[in-house]
C-alpha cells in the first residue's frame, strides 16, 4: 500500500513539474518581440495577440512552408488552447483561462514570425 501511495505522489509531483515547465516555456516564448515583417505580412496591428487570433495565426502557420526543421510545438499549443477553451466557461478560472489562451496566441505569433523570417532568408539566399 505504501508503494502505491509513493507512486501516486511521485506521478503527481512529476505532472506538476511538467506543467510548470510548460507554462514557463510558453511565457518565455510569448515574451519574444515580433518583427515588423510579421505585422505587414499577417495584417495585424501593433499590439499583442488576442486569444481570438489563434485560429487565424494557425492558418497562417499552416500556409507557410517549413524550410528548416524547427521544433514543432504547434500541436501542443493546440491542445493547451483547446483545454483552456473548456476551462474558460468555468466561473472561478475563466479569466485565467482567457489569459492562457492569449499567451498561446502570442506563442503561435512568435512561431509564425520565426517561420516567416526563415522563409525570407531562404528566398534571399536563393536569389543571390
Protein backbone atom coordinates (compact mmCIF):
# COMPACT_ATOMS: atom_id res chain seq x y z
CA UNK A 1 0.00 0.00 0.00
CA UNK A 2 2.87 2.36 0.81
CA UNK A 3 4.41 1.76 -2.61
CA UNK A 4 1.15 2.74 -4.34
CA UNK A 5 0.98 5.97 -2.33
CA UNK A 6 4.59 6.76 -3.23
CA UNK A 7 3.87 6.07 -6.88
CA UNK A 8 0.83 8.36 -6.92
CA UNK A 9 2.70 11.14 -5.12
CA UNK A 10 5.67 10.89 -7.48
CA UNK A 11 3.42 10.94 -10.57
CA UNK A 12 1.59 13.98 -9.19
CA UNK A 13 4.90 15.73 -8.48
CA UNK A 14 6.19 14.94 -11.96
CA UNK A 15 3.00 16.23 -13.55
CA UNK A 16 3.21 19.42 -11.51
CA UNK A 17 6.83 19.91 -12.58
CA UNK A 18 5.94 19.31 -16.24
CA UNK A 19 3.05 21.78 -16.15
CA UNK A 20 5.23 24.43 -14.51
CA UNK A 21 7.94 23.88 -17.11
CA UNK A 22 5.42 24.04 -19.95
CA UNK A 23 3.90 27.29 -18.69
CA UNK A 24 7.36 28.85 -18.24
CA UNK A 25 8.26 27.79 -21.77
CA UNK A 26 5.08 29.38 -23.11
CA UNK A 27 5.67 32.60 -21.17
CA UNK A 28 9.26 32.94 -22.39
CA UNK A 29 8.25 32.30 -26.00
CA UNK A 30 5.33 34.71 -25.83
CA UNK A 31 7.60 37.46 -24.45
CA UNK A 32 9.79 37.50 -27.57
CA UNK A 33 9.32 40.56 -29.77
CA UNK A 34 7.66 40.24 -33.15
CA UNK A 35 9.29 41.68 -36.25
CA UNK A 36 7.81 44.43 -38.40
CA UNK A 37 7.69 41.99 -41.31
CA UNK A 38 5.29 39.82 -39.35
CA UNK A 39 2.84 42.67 -38.83
CA UNK A 40 2.99 43.61 -42.52
CA UNK A 41 2.61 40.04 -43.78
CA UNK A 42 -0.02 38.93 -41.29
CA UNK A 43 -2.04 42.14 -41.34
CA UNK A 44 -2.13 42.58 -37.56
CA UNK A 45 -1.91 45.93 -35.84
CA UNK A 46 0.92 46.76 -33.43
CA UNK A 47 -0.46 45.07 -30.34
CA UNK A 48 -0.23 41.80 -28.55
CA UNK A 49 -2.25 38.97 -29.96
CA UNK A 50 -5.66 38.28 -28.54
CA UNK A 51 -6.98 34.85 -27.74
CA UNK A 52 -9.37 35.10 -30.69
CA UNK A 53 -6.45 35.44 -33.13
CA UNK A 54 -5.25 31.87 -32.50
CA UNK A 55 -7.14 30.25 -35.39
CA UNK A 56 -6.07 32.95 -37.84
CA UNK A 57 -2.45 32.50 -36.78
CA UNK A 58 -2.82 28.74 -37.06
CA UNK A 59 -3.96 29.05 -40.66
CA UNK A 60 -1.03 31.38 -41.40
CA UNK A 61 1.35 28.86 -39.85
CA UNK A 62 -0.01 26.05 -42.00
CA UNK A 63 0.26 28.15 -45.17
CA UNK A 64 3.98 28.82 -44.76
CA UNK A 65 6.38 26.11 -45.83
CA UNK A 66 8.84 24.82 -43.27
CA UNK A 67 12.31 25.32 -44.78
CA UNK A 68 14.23 24.27 -41.68
CA UNK A 69 13.36 21.66 -39.13
CA UNK A 70 12.27 23.71 -36.13
CA UNK A 71 10.80 22.03 -33.08
CA UNK A 72 7.12 21.71 -33.86
CA UNK A 73 5.14 22.52 -30.76
CA UNK A 74 2.04 23.65 -32.63
CA UNK A 75 0.11 20.52 -31.73
CA UNK A 76 0.96 21.08 -28.05
CA UNK A 77 -0.23 24.67 -28.32
CA UNK A 78 -3.46 23.49 -29.93
CA UNK A 79 -4.05 21.00 -27.10
CA UNK A 80 -3.31 23.65 -24.47
CA UNK A 81 -5.54 26.20 -26.23
CA UNK A 82 -8.40 23.68 -26.51
CA UNK A 83 -8.10 22.79 -22.83
CA UNK A 84 -8.19 26.47 -21.90
CA UNK A 85 -11.28 26.93 -24.09
CA UNK A 86 -13.03 24.28 -22.00
CA UNK A 87 -11.90 25.93 -18.75
CA UNK A 88 -12.96 29.39 -19.95
CA UNK A 89 -16.59 28.56 -19.23
CA UNK A 90 -15.93 27.90 -15.56
CA UNK A 91 -16.64 30.96 -13.41
CA UNK A 92 -13.74 30.53 -10.99
CA UNK A 93 -10.94 30.24 -13.55
CA UNK A 94 -12.46 31.78 -16.68
CA UNK A 95 -10.29 34.91 -16.60
CA UNK A 96 -7.14 32.86 -16.06
CA UNK A 97 -8.04 30.58 -18.97
CA UNK A 98 -8.58 33.62 -21.20
CA UNK A 99 -5.09 34.89 -20.31
CA UNK A 100 -3.62 31.47 -21.07
CA UNK A 101 -5.35 31.49 -24.45
CA UNK A 102 -3.82 34.90 -25.20
CA UNK A 103 -0.38 33.53 -24.24
CA UNK A 104 -0.95 30.64 -26.67
CA UNK A 105 -1.80 33.14 -29.41
CA UNK A 106 1.36 35.13 -28.65
CA UNK A 107 3.47 31.95 -28.77
CA UNK A 108 1.97 31.00 -32.11
CA UNK A 109 2.62 34.51 -33.42
CA UNK A 110 6.30 34.14 -32.48
CA UNK A 111 6.43 30.77 -34.24
CA UNK A 112 4.82 32.24 -37.38
CA UNK A 113 7.27 35.15 -37.24
CA UNK A 114 10.24 32.79 -36.97
CA UNK A 115 8.98 30.73 -39.88
CA UNK A 116 8.39 33.86 -41.96
CA UNK A 117 11.89 35.19 -41.29
CA UNK A 118 13.43 31.81 -42.15
CA UNK A 119 11.46 31.68 -45.41
CA UNK A 120 12.52 35.22 -46.32
CA UNK A 121 16.17 34.45 -45.58
CA UNK A 122 15.98 31.28 -47.67
CA UNK A 123 14.38 33.16 -50.56
CA UNK A 124 17.05 35.87 -50.39
CA UNK A 125 19.76 33.19 -50.40
CA UNK A 126 18.26 31.51 -53.46
CA UNK A 127 18.05 34.83 -55.33
CA UNK A 128 21.71 35.66 -54.78
